[in-house]
Amino acid sequence: MVEILKDATAKAAHGGDADLTAKVAGIIADIEERGEVAVRELSAQFDGWEPEQFRLTPAQIDEIIAGIDPQTIADIEFAQSQIRRFAEAQLASISDVEIETLPGVVLGHKNLPVSAVGAYVPGGRYPMVASAHMSVLTAKVAGVPRVAACTPPINGAIPAETVAAMHLAGADEIYLLGGIQAVAAMAIGTEFVDPVDVLVGPGNAFVAEAKRLLYGRVGIDLLAGPTETLVIADDTVDGEICATDLLGQAEHGPTSPAVLLTTSRQLGIDTIAEIARQLETLPTADVASVAWENYGRVLVCEDNAEMLRVADELAFEHVQVMTNDDDFFFENMQNYGALFLGPMTNVSYGDKVIGTNHTLPTQGAARYTGGLWVGKFIKTCTYQRVTDPASSAIIGEYCSRLCAIENFAGHQAQADIRVERYGAAVPS
């Protein structure tokens, strides 16, 4: 039976916000009707940004990159090399298929990249440079010929490191534009940007709602909510590392759940105390403390099997496992966005540099989907070819009878004409 040492005082929101939906829908409709004029008004209103043009020129990009510390450029390049290598391995795992099911009946599928992707890279308090790697670079590895990338200005200034990451990742177009106006402009198309086929990238509640409303017109990566982290630990580790890993994700936002599952009651007590201590000095404590107070939980379980059951019920985005049998969770856990196995790795590695993608399912979506990967940018399209007349007639006879059951006369006629024309080839 699970013992609760600390429970959340607030419930994670899963339902929609009617006011938010109405506001975002109105903005999208305005952009669709007035195009760049509406985008400019929104950019001025929300970001104080009214440039001559939103798209950066090659000369501007070169100038921005030239002003960045070379060590920062090297760090970005290192991170991108890790992410590229893993994405290339994922791409290699995707194969075209072709089989002959009857003489002269060939069925197959081809894996084709989408034509254009819009990548949104957030700014604000946390300019998420790493999101450029995860979206732009992964799309380019998948073979997408055109990637348009948007990021907002921060306090009226160009986020140089983000622009550098976009460029180094292979973005074909870079726009200084944020919020609903950015994702809507890319999805709908305006005077200054052609429409894309898929939108990817994290953002605030307004960006997430815009993506939800635009889904169908374009594809999207995920409907992402607040960042979630789950630490599964026992007495093989201590409260300091557990507290650090919980607060390291709680700082994402005031509604980010952070949960400790443990078989050690003492570790739970130590972690709670250590979190209180770390919050006294953590520079992002103003955010992390609210998340921990309202959405933090510490649950003591009887054994690893009970921790596994609870973890699968939670289906969290990030799961850090530090136990006496990490492989038990690796082999048996079913519902998670990404696993981080052992104390020598952590969620921050995955967020920034180690190579796996940090765009992951939240709010229970790990029950039915994984995170962003090269496959999200690839369409698996089927084809068929029939070169044997006898096989065409045989299939046609089956098809005709099945169409009759469903009262599809036109479908049946398609089959019947093949039976009539090629039936003589069927051995008697």
Protein backbone atom coordinates (compact mmCIF):
# COMPACT_ATOMS: atom_id res chain seq x y z
CA MET A 1 0.00 0.00 0.00
CA VAL A 2 1.33 3.42 -0.96
CA GLU A 3 2.14 5.83 1.87
CA ILE A 4 1.88 9.54 1.02
CA LEU A 5 4.59 11.63 2.65
CA LYS A 6 3.73 14.70 0.59
CA ASP A 7 0.74 15.13 -1.68
CA ALA A 8 -0.01 17.71 -4.33
CA THR A 9 -2.29 20.52 -3.22
CA ALA A 10 -3.45 21.24 -6.77
CA LYS A 11 -4.70 18.94 -9.49
CA ALA A 12 -3.08 18.91 -12.90
CA ALA A 13 -5.39 20.40 -15.52
CA HIS A 14 -6.43 18.08 -18.32
CA GLY A 15 -9.54 19.83 -19.61
CA GLY A 16 -9.75 22.74 -22.01
CA ASP A 17 -10.03 26.41 -21.12
CA ALA A 18 -12.97 27.86 -23.05
CA ASP A 19 -11.75 31.45 -22.72
CA LEU A 20 -8.27 30.53 -23.92
CA THR A 21 -9.68 28.57 -26.85
CA ALA A 22 -11.92 31.44 -27.89
CA LYS A 23 -9.12 33.98 -27.68
CA VAL A 24 -6.67 31.86 -29.67
CA ALA A 25 -9.29 30.94 -32.26
CA GLY A 26 -10.07 34.62 -32.74
CA ILE A 27 -6.40 35.48 -33.28
CA ILE A 28 -5.98 32.66 -35.80
CA ALA A 29 -9.05 33.83 -37.70
CA ASP A 30 -7.71 37.39 -37.72
CA ILE A 31 -4.37 36.25 -39.14
CA GLU A 32 -6.16 34.19 -41.76
CA GLU A 33 -8.20 37.23 -42.81
CA ARG A 34 -5.64 40.04 -42.57
CA GLY A 35 -2.33 38.20 -42.94
CA GLU A 36 0.85 40.14 -42.25
CA VAL A 37 -1.02 43.21 -41.00
CA ALA A 38 -2.52 41.15 -38.15
CA VAL A 39 0.80 39.45 -37.43
CA ARG A 40 2.56 42.81 -37.17
CA GLU A 41 -0.05 44.17 -34.78
CA LEU A 42 0.23 41.10 -32.55
CA SER A 43 4.03 41.18 -32.58
CA ALA A 44 4.00 44.83 -31.56
CA GLN A 45 1.39 44.19 -28.86
CA PHE A 46 2.94 41.14 -27.22
CA ASP A 47 6.66 41.48 -27.96
CA GLY A 48 7.14 45.17 -28.76
CA TRP A 49 8.69 43.98 -32.01
CA GLU A 50 8.04 45.75 -35.33
CA PRO A 51 10.99 45.03 -37.65
CA GLU A 52 11.11 45.96 -41.30
CA GLN A 53 10.91 42.23 -41.98
CA PHE A 54 10.56 39.24 -39.67
CA ARG A 55 12.86 36.97 -41.66
CA LEU A 56 16.57 37.31 -40.94
CA THR A 57 18.84 37.72 -43.94
CA PRO A 58 22.00 35.62 -44.37
CA ALA A 59 24.06 38.73 -43.59
CA GLN A 60 22.16 39.32 -40.36
CA ILE A 61 22.61 35.70 -39.33
CA ASP A 62 26.35 35.85 -40.03
CA GLU A 63 26.64 39.03 -37.97
CA ILE A 64 24.72 37.52 -35.06
CA ILE A 65 26.84 34.38 -35.01
CA ALA A 66 30.08 36.40 -35.25
CA GLY A 67 29.20 38.10 -31.97
CA ILE A 68 28.79 34.88 -29.98
CA ASP A 69 31.51 33.45 -27.73
CA PRO A 70 33.32 30.70 -29.72
CA GLN A 71 32.95 28.35 -26.74
CA THR A 72 29.18 28.73 -26.95
CA ILE A 73 29.26 27.89 -30.65
CA ALA A 74 31.40 24.84 -29.90
CA ASP A 75 28.97 23.75 -27.17
CA ILE A 76 26.01 24.05 -29.55
CA GLU A 77 27.89 22.09 -32.20
CA PHE A 78 28.71 19.34 -29.69
CA ALA A 79 25.07 19.01 -28.65
CA GLN A 80 23.94 18.94 -32.25
CA SER A 81 26.49 16.28 -33.13
CA GLN A 82 25.01 14.02 -30.44
CA ILE A 83 21.42 14.68 -31.51
CA ARG A 84 22.26 14.24 -35.18
CA ARG A 85 23.99 10.91 -34.56
CA PHE A 86 21.01 9.49 -32.69
CA ALA A 87 18.51 10.83 -35.23
CA GLU A 88 20.53 9.27 -38.05
CA ALA A 89 20.43 5.93 -36.25
CA GLN A 90 16.66 6.27 -35.90
CA LEU A 91 16.36 7.06 -39.61
CA ALA A 92 18.38 3.97 -40.47
CA SER A 93 15.84 1.85 -38.57
CA ILE A 94 13.01 2.93 -40.92
CA SER A 95 12.80 0.71 -43.97
CA ASP A 96 10.79 0.66 -47.17
CA VAL A 97 8.82 -2.56 -47.66
CA GLU A 98 7.87 -4.54 -50.77
CA ILE A 99 6.40 -8.05 -50.99
CA GLU A 100 4.77 -10.22 -53.66
CA THR A 101 1.59 -11.66 -52.13
CA LEU A 102 0.40 -13.53 -55.26
CA PRO A 103 2.09 -13.99 -58.65
CA GLY A 104 2.50 -10.51 -60.07
CA VAL A 105 0.83 -8.79 -57.08
CA VAL A 106 3.32 -6.43 -55.48
CA LEU A 107 2.49 -4.45 -52.34
CA GLY A 108 4.78 -2.02 -50.59
CA HIS A 109 5.31 1.18 -48.71
CA LYS A 110 7.72 4.04 -49.18
CA ASN A 111 8.89 6.41 -46.46
CA LEU A 112 8.72 9.98 -47.73
CA PRO A 113 9.69 13.14 -45.81
CA VAL A 114 7.10 15.90 -45.61
CA SER A 115 7.84 18.92 -47.78
CA ALA A 116 7.90 21.70 -45.19
CA VAL A 117 8.14 21.97 -41.40
CA GLY A 118 7.56 24.94 -39.12
CA ALA A 119 9.70 24.79 -35.97
CA TYR A 120 8.82 27.00 -33.01
CA VAL A 121 11.58 27.71 -30.47
CA PRO A 122 10.32 29.46 -27.31
CA GLY A 123 11.90 32.50 -25.69
CA GLY A 124 10.82 34.39 -22.58
CA ARG A 125 12.46 33.61 -19.25
CA TYR A 126 13.96 30.44 -20.69
CA PRO A 127 15.23 30.88 -24.26
CA MET A 128 15.18 27.20 -25.17
CA VAL A 129 18.18 26.98 -27.46
CA ALA A 130 18.03 23.18 -27.31
CA SER A 131 14.59 23.14 -28.93
CA ALA A 132 16.25 24.25 -32.16
CA HIS A 133 18.35 21.08 -32.16
CA MET A 134 15.39 18.86 -31.35
CA SER A 135 13.08 20.22 -34.04
CA VAL A 136 15.09 21.75 -36.87
CA LEU A 137 17.97 19.28 -36.87
CA THR A 138 15.74 16.21 -36.53
CA ALA A 139 13.59 17.38 -39.44
CA LYS A 140 16.65 17.92 -41.62
CA VAL A 141 18.01 14.46 -40.78
CA ALA A 142 14.63 13.07 -41.83
CA GLY A 143 15.17 14.69 -45.24
CA VAL A 144 12.71 17.59 -45.00
CA PRO A 145 13.75 20.01 -47.79
CA ARG A 146 12.34 23.16 -46.15
CA VAL A 147 12.37 24.04 -42.45
CA ALA A 148 11.11 27.44 -41.36
CA ALA A 149 12.02 28.32 -37.76
CA CYS A 150 10.53 31.02 -35.53
CA THR A 151 11.69 32.37 -32.19
CA PRO A 152 10.55 35.52 -30.39
CA PRO A 153 12.74 38.48 -29.52
CA ILE A 154 13.50 38.69 -25.80
CA ASN A 155 12.91 42.12 -24.27
CA GLY A 156 13.29 43.66 -27.70
CA ALA A 157 16.62 41.94 -28.37
CA ILE A 158 17.64 39.17 -30.76
CA PRO A 159 18.29 35.84 -28.92
CA ALA A 160 21.65 35.32 -30.56
CA GLU A 161 22.38 31.82 -29.28
CA THR A 162 18.96 30.56 -30.40
CA VAL A 163 19.46 32.02 -33.86
CA ALA A 164 22.87 30.36 -34.03
CA ALA A 165 21.40 27.00 -33.02
CA MET A 166 18.67 27.30 -35.65
CA HIS A 167 21.19 28.14 -38.35
CA LEU A 168 23.68 25.44 -37.37
CA ALA A 169 20.84 22.89 -37.21
CA GLY A 170 20.05 23.64 -40.85
CA ALA A 171 17.04 25.97 -40.79
CA ASP A 172 16.27 27.23 -44.28
CA GLU A 173 14.36 30.28 -43.02
CA ILE A 174 14.68 32.03 -39.65
CA TYR A 175 12.05 34.46 -38.39
CA LEU A 176 12.11 36.63 -35.28
CA LEU A 177 8.49 36.12 -34.36
CA GLY A 178 6.79 34.60 -31.34
CA GLY A 179 3.55 33.33 -29.89
CA ILE A 180 0.29 32.48 -31.62
CA GLN A 181 1.21 34.79 -34.49
CA ALA A 182 4.32 32.71 -35.26
CA VAL A 183 2.72 29.27 -35.37
CA ALA A 184 -0.40 30.55 -37.14
CA ALA A 185 1.64 32.39 -39.77
CA MET A 186 3.63 29.24 -40.51
CA ALA A 187 0.54 27.02 -40.65
CA ILE A 188 -1.67 29.36 -42.68
CA GLY A 189 0.96 31.18 -44.71
CA THR A 190 1.16 34.96 -45.01
CA GLU A 191 2.79 37.49 -47.32
CA PHE A 192 6.21 36.77 -45.78
CA VAL A 193 6.15 33.01 -45.14
CA ASP A 194 4.77 30.11 -47.16
CA PRO A 195 2.62 27.54 -45.30
CA VAL A 196 4.19 24.42 -43.83
CA ASP A 197 2.91 20.85 -43.54
CA VAL A 198 3.90 20.10 -39.94
CA LEU A 199 4.31 22.32 -36.85
CA VAL A 200 6.64 21.26 -34.05
CA GLY A 201 8.13 22.72 -30.90
CA PRO A 202 7.09 23.57 -27.35
CA GLY A 203 5.54 26.81 -26.16
CA ASN A 204 3.31 28.41 -23.56
CA ALA A 205 -0.41 27.69 -23.16
CA PHE A 206 -1.28 30.04 -26.04
CA VAL A 207 1.14 28.37 -28.44
CA ALA A 208 -0.04 24.90 -27.36
CA GLU A 209 -3.68 25.87 -27.92
CA ALA A 210 -2.86 27.39 -31.31
CA LYS A 211 -1.22 24.13 -32.36
CA ARG A 212 -4.24 22.18 -31.16
CA LEU A 213 -6.62 24.35 -33.16
CA LEU A 214 -4.40 24.23 -36.25
CA TYR A 215 -4.07 20.44 -36.12
CA GLY A 216 -5.75 18.96 -39.17
CA ARG A 217 -4.79 21.89 -41.34
CA VAL A 218 -1.22 20.86 -40.50
CA GLY A 219 0.33 18.00 -38.60
CA ILE A 220 1.81 18.64 -35.16
CA ASP A 221 4.29 16.85 -32.96
CA LEU A 222 2.43 16.68 -29.63
CA LEU A 223 -0.20 18.43 -27.55
CA ALA A 224 2.24 19.24 -24.77
CA GLY A 225 1.29 20.38 -21.28
CA PRO A 226 3.52 21.40 -18.35
CA THR A 227 6.78 19.49 -17.95
CA GLU A 228 6.54 16.44 -15.67
CA THR A 229 9.27 14.57 -13.83
CA LEU A 230 9.11 11.31 -11.89
CA VAL A 231 12.03 10.07 -9.81
CA ILE A 232 11.96 6.37 -8.92
CA ALA A 233 14.59 5.76 -6.23
CA ASP A 234 15.58 3.66 -3.26
CA ASP A 235 18.28 3.83 -0.60
CA THR A 236 21.03 3.26 -3.16
CA VAL A 237 20.94 7.07 -3.61
CA ASP A 238 20.45 10.01 -1.25
CA GLY A 239 18.06 12.89 -0.76
CA GLU A 240 20.39 15.45 -2.28
CA ILE A 241 20.44 13.89 -5.74
CA CYS A 242 16.69 13.19 -5.64
CA ALA A 243 15.92 16.77 -4.62
CA THR A 244 18.22 18.14 -7.31
CA ASP A 245 16.56 16.06 -10.01
CA LEU A 246 13.06 17.02 -8.89
CA LEU A 247 13.76 20.76 -8.67
CA GLY A 248 15.70 20.66 -11.93
CA GLN A 249 12.41 20.08 -13.73
CA ALA A 250 10.04 21.87 -11.34
CA GLU A 251 11.73 25.12 -12.40
CA HIS A 252 10.13 24.77 -15.85
CA GLY A 253 6.90 26.31 -14.60
CA PRO A 254 4.60 26.75 -11.61
CA THR A 255 2.33 23.90 -12.75
CA SER A 256 5.06 21.32 -13.43
CA PRO A 257 4.48 18.11 -11.44
CA ALA A 258 7.52 16.60 -9.68
CA VAL A 259 7.02 13.23 -7.98
CA LEU A 260 9.27 10.91 -5.98
CA LEU A 261 8.43 7.21 -5.81
CA THR A 262 10.57 5.34 -3.31
CA THR A 263 10.73 2.17 -1.26
CA SER A 264 12.68 4.05 1.42
CA ARG A 265 10.61 6.16 3.81
CA GLN A 266 13.82 7.76 5.08
CA LEU A 267 14.83 8.77 1.56
CA GLY A 268 11.45 10.43 1.15
CA ILE A 269 11.88 12.39 4.38
CA ASP A 270 15.45 13.33 3.45
CA THR A 271 14.37 14.48 -0.02
CA ILE A 272 11.62 16.73 1.36
CA ALA A 273 14.11 18.33 3.75
CA GLU A 274 16.74 18.71 1.05
CA ILE A 275 14.26 20.37 -1.32
CA ALA A 276 13.46 22.94 1.38
CA ARG A 277 17.18 23.58 1.81
CA GLN A 278 17.91 23.91 -1.91
CA LEU A 279 14.98 26.26 -2.46
CA GLU A 280 16.67 28.76 -0.16
CA THR A 281 19.41 29.34 -2.73
CA LEU A 282 18.08 28.09 -6.09
CA PRO A 283 17.95 31.09 -8.49
CA THR A 284 14.70 29.80 -9.98
CA ALA A 285 13.07 29.11 -6.61
CA ASP A 286 10.29 31.60 -7.34
CA VAL A 287 8.97 29.15 -9.94
CA ALA A 288 10.21 25.81 -8.60
CA SER A 289 8.87 26.40 -5.09
CA VAL A 290 5.34 27.00 -6.41
CA ALA A 291 5.50 23.87 -8.56
CA TRP A 292 6.78 21.82 -5.63
CA GLU A 293 4.21 23.20 -3.19
CA ASN A 294 1.25 22.69 -5.49
CA TYR A 295 2.23 19.73 -7.66
CA GLY A 296 5.04 17.96 -5.79
CA ARG A 297 4.43 14.49 -4.31
CA VAL A 298 6.45 11.92 -2.34
CA LEU A 299 5.04 8.40 -2.31
CA VAL A 300 6.49 5.44 -0.40
CA CYS A 301 5.87 2.05 -2.00
CA GLU A 302 6.27 -1.46 -0.65
CA ASP A 303 8.63 -2.75 -3.36
CA ASN A 304 9.81 -2.26 -6.92
CA ALA A 305 6.69 -3.94 -8.30
CA GLU A 306 4.46 -1.38 -6.60
CA MET A 307 6.64 1.49 -7.82
CA LEU A 308 6.32 0.08 -11.34
CA ARG A 309 2.53 -0.09 -11.07
CA VAL A 310 2.23 3.50 -9.83
CA ALA A 311 4.72 4.79 -12.42
CA ASP A 312 2.77 3.20 -15.27
CA GLU A 313 -0.45 4.74 -13.91
CA LEU A 314 1.19 8.18 -13.83
CA ALA A 315 2.61 7.81 -17.38
CA PHE A 316 4.94 10.77 -16.88
CA GLU A 317 7.02 12.62 -19.44
CA HIS A 318 10.43 12.15 -17.76
CA VAL A 319 11.25 9.17 -15.55
CA GLN A 320 14.57 9.06 -13.64
CA VAL A 321 15.31 5.57 -12.26
CA MET A 322 17.92 5.14 -9.51
CA THR A 323 17.39 1.80 -7.78
CA ASN A 324 19.00 -1.52 -6.93
CA ASP A 325 17.48 -2.96 -10.14
CA ASP A 326 17.15 -0.33 -12.85
CA ASP A 327 16.81 -3.02 -15.51
CA PHE A 328 13.57 -4.21 -13.88
CA PHE A 329 11.99 -0.87 -14.80
CA PHE A 330 13.66 -0.76 -18.22
CA GLU A 331 12.31 -4.20 -19.10
CA ASN A 332 8.83 -3.82 -17.62
CA MET A 333 7.75 -0.18 -17.65
CA GLN A 334 5.25 0.62 -20.41
CA ASN A 335 4.13 4.23 -20.04
CA TYR A 336 6.75 6.99 -20.16
CA GLY A 337 8.08 9.69 -22.44
CA ALA A 338 11.77 9.01 -21.79
CA LEU A 339 13.68 6.89 -19.28
CA PHE A 340 16.87 8.03 -17.58
CA LEU A 341 18.52 4.97 -16.08
CA GLY A 342 20.95 5.24 -13.18
CA PRO A 343 22.35 8.18 -11.18
CA MET A 344 25.01 9.02 -13.77
CA THR A 345 22.41 10.34 -16.23
CA ASN A 346 19.54 12.77 -15.66
CA VAL A 347 16.70 14.60 -17.39
CA SER A 348 18.81 17.70 -18.00
CA TYR A 349 21.18 15.63 -20.16
CA GLY A 350 18.22 14.58 -22.28
CA ASP A 351 16.84 18.11 -22.40
CA LYS A 352 20.05 19.67 -23.64
CA VAL A 353 22.78 17.50 -25.06
CA ILE A 354 22.94 13.73 -24.76
CA GLY A 355 21.20 13.03 -28.08
CA THR A 356 17.64 11.84 -27.46
CA ASN A 357 14.81 14.22 -28.27
CA HIS A 358 13.36 16.35 -25.49
CA THR A 359 9.93 16.90 -27.06
CA LEU A 360 7.93 14.30 -25.13
CA PRO A 361 4.33 13.38 -24.21
CA THR A 362 2.74 14.85 -21.08
CA GLN A 363 -0.57 14.59 -19.20
CA GLY A 364 -0.84 10.84 -19.64
CA ALA A 365 -0.22 10.87 -23.39
CA ALA A 366 2.69 8.46 -22.85
CA ARG A 367 0.00 5.76 -22.68
CA TYR A 368 -0.41 6.02 -26.46
CA THR A 369 2.54 7.88 -27.98
CA GLY A 370 6.25 8.42 -27.71
CA GLY A 371 8.08 11.68 -28.29
CA LEU A 372 9.32 13.57 -31.32
CA TRP A 373 11.69 11.65 -33.61
CA VAL A 374 12.64 11.52 -37.28
CA GLY A 375 9.58 9.37 -37.98
CA LYS A 376 7.29 12.31 -37.16
CA PHE A 377 8.55 14.04 -40.30
CA ILE A 378 8.11 11.00 -42.52
CA LYS A 379 4.97 9.74 -44.25
CA THR A 380 4.72 5.99 -44.76
CA CYS A 381 2.80 5.71 -48.04
CA THR A 382 1.59 2.44 -49.53
CA TYR A 383 1.43 1.35 -53.17
CA GLN A 384 0.34 -1.67 -55.18
CA ARG A 385 1.13 -3.04 -58.62
CA VAL A 386 -0.50 -5.99 -60.43
CA THR A 387 1.27 -7.39 -63.49
CA ASP A 388 -0.31 -10.85 -63.74
CA PRO A 389 -3.76 -10.91 -65.45
CA ALA A 390 -4.84 -14.11 -63.73
CA SER A 391 -4.09 -12.66 -60.30
CA SER A 392 -6.02 -9.50 -61.16
CA ALA A 393 -9.06 -11.55 -62.15
CA ILE A 394 -8.87 -13.76 -59.05
CA ILE A 395 -8.65 -10.77 -56.72
CA GLY A 396 -11.42 -9.12 -58.74
CA GLU A 397 -13.80 -12.01 -58.10
CA TYR A 398 -13.27 -11.75 -54.34
CA CYS A 399 -13.53 -7.97 -54.48
CA SER A 400 -16.77 -8.06 -56.47
CA ARG A 401 -18.52 -10.30 -53.96
CA LEU A 402 -17.27 -8.25 -50.99
CA CYS A 403 -18.42 -5.00 -52.63
CA ALA A 404 -21.89 -6.51 -53.17
CA ILE A 405 -22.18 -7.23 -49.44
CA GLU A 406 -21.61 -3.52 -48.77
CA ASN A 407 -23.88 -2.31 -51.60
CA PHE A 408 -21.01 -0.47 -53.30
CA ALA A 409 -22.09 -0.86 -56.92
CA GLY A 410 -19.42 1.44 -58.31
CA HIS A 411 -16.69 -0.38 -56.41
CA GLN A 412 -18.06 -3.68 -57.67
CA ALA A 413 -17.97 -2.41 -61.25
CA GLN A 414 -14.25 -1.62 -60.87
CA ALA A 415 -13.65 -5.24 -59.93
CA ASP A 416 -16.02 -6.72 -62.49
CA ILE A 417 -14.40 -4.99 -65.47
CA ARG A 418 -11.05 -6.56 -64.50
CA VAL A 419 -12.64 -9.99 -64.15
CA GLU A 420 -14.22 -9.58 -67.59
CA ARG A 421 -11.02 -8.41 -69.26
CA TYR A 422 -8.50 -10.67 -67.56
CA GLY A 423 -10.59 -13.67 -66.53
CA ALA A 424 -9.51 -15.74 -69.53
CA ALA A 425 -6.02 -15.89 -68.03
CA VAL A 426 -7.26 -17.79 -64.95
CA PRO A 427 -6.41 -21.52 -65.23
CA SER A 428 -9.55 -23.64 -65.51
